[in-house]
Protein backbone atom coordinates (compact mmCIF):
# COMPACT_ATOMS: atom_id res chain seq x y z
CA MET A 1 39.75 101.38 197.04
CA ALA A 2 42.27 103.07 194.67
CA GLN A 3 41.66 106.66 193.78
CA SER A 4 40.14 107.02 190.34
CA PHE A 5 41.66 109.36 187.86
CA LEU A 6 38.80 109.14 185.36
CA PRO A 7 37.80 112.43 183.77
CA PRO A 8 34.51 113.73 185.20
CA GLU A 9 32.79 113.45 181.84
CA ILE A 10 33.45 109.74 181.87
CA ARG A 11 32.63 109.23 185.60
CA GLY A 12 29.33 111.07 185.08
CA LEU A 13 28.15 108.57 182.42
CA PRO A 14 25.59 105.95 183.45
CA ILE A 15 27.07 102.56 184.39
CA SER A 16 25.77 100.87 181.24
CA GLU A 17 27.48 103.46 179.09
CA ARG A 18 30.74 103.12 181.02
CA VAL A 19 30.58 99.31 180.62
CA HIS A 20 30.03 99.88 176.89
CA LEU A 21 33.06 102.21 176.78
CA VAL A 22 35.24 99.65 178.52
CA GLU A 23 34.05 96.99 175.94
CA GLN A 24 35.02 99.34 173.08
CA ILE A 25 38.42 100.02 174.63
CA TRP A 26 39.03 96.32 175.18
CA ASP A 27 37.99 95.55 171.63
CA SER A 28 40.42 98.15 170.28
CA ILE A 29 43.25 96.57 172.28
CA ALA A 30 42.41 93.12 171.16
CA GLU A 31 42.23 94.12 167.46
CA ASP A 32 46.06 94.60 167.55
CA GLU A 33 47.11 91.03 168.54
CA ARG A 34 50.86 91.95 168.25
CA ALA A 35 50.45 94.35 171.17
CA PHE A 36 48.48 91.79 173.15
CA GLU A 37 50.63 88.94 174.31
CA LEU A 38 49.69 86.77 177.27
CA THR A 39 52.20 85.86 179.98
CA ASP A 40 52.78 82.19 180.70
CA ALA A 41 50.86 82.60 183.93
CA GLN A 42 47.88 84.05 182.04
CA LYS A 43 48.02 81.21 179.53
CA ALA A 44 48.08 78.65 182.30
CA GLU A 45 45.09 80.29 184.02
CA LEU A 46 43.15 80.25 180.78
CA ASP A 47 44.03 76.61 180.28
CA ARG A 48 42.79 75.86 183.88
CA ARG A 49 39.57 77.67 183.27
CA ILE A 50 38.94 75.91 179.96
CA ALA A 51 39.57 72.57 181.68
CA ALA A 52 37.16 73.52 184.50
CA HIS A 53 34.48 74.40 182.01
CA GLU A 54 34.97 71.27 179.99
CA ALA A 55 34.63 69.23 183.23
CA SER A 56 31.45 71.09 184.22
CA PRO A 57 29.97 72.77 181.16
CA ASN A 58 26.61 73.58 182.87
CA ARG A 59 28.28 75.50 185.75
CA GLY A 60 28.24 79.21 185.53
CA LYS A 61 25.98 81.58 183.51
CA PRO A 62 25.99 82.68 179.86
CA TRP A 63 27.61 86.07 179.18
CA GLU A 64 24.37 87.48 177.98
CA ASP A 65 22.70 86.79 181.31
CA VAL A 66 25.52 88.29 183.32
CA LYS A 67 25.65 91.43 181.08
CA LYS A 68 21.92 91.96 181.44
CA ARG A 69 22.31 91.79 185.27
CA LEU A 70 25.23 94.19 185.18
CA VAL A 71 24.08 96.82 182.73
CA GLY A 72 20.31 96.26 182.68
CA GLU A 73 20.07 95.64 178.95
């Protein structure tokens, strides 16, 4: 595993708070769409995943369920 360079005050947070922090960071990145451009490979992967979901919409789990399992909310 790669060495982590997180400040100790972040590493010391409970996992649920670190996940929330990552969500906040991601949301701040996504807010500026001009700075967030997908590569052609990323677009192709998203298209593949959308097609797979449309072919089998009941496969997988809702985000709410996955999040509860990961952060215990």
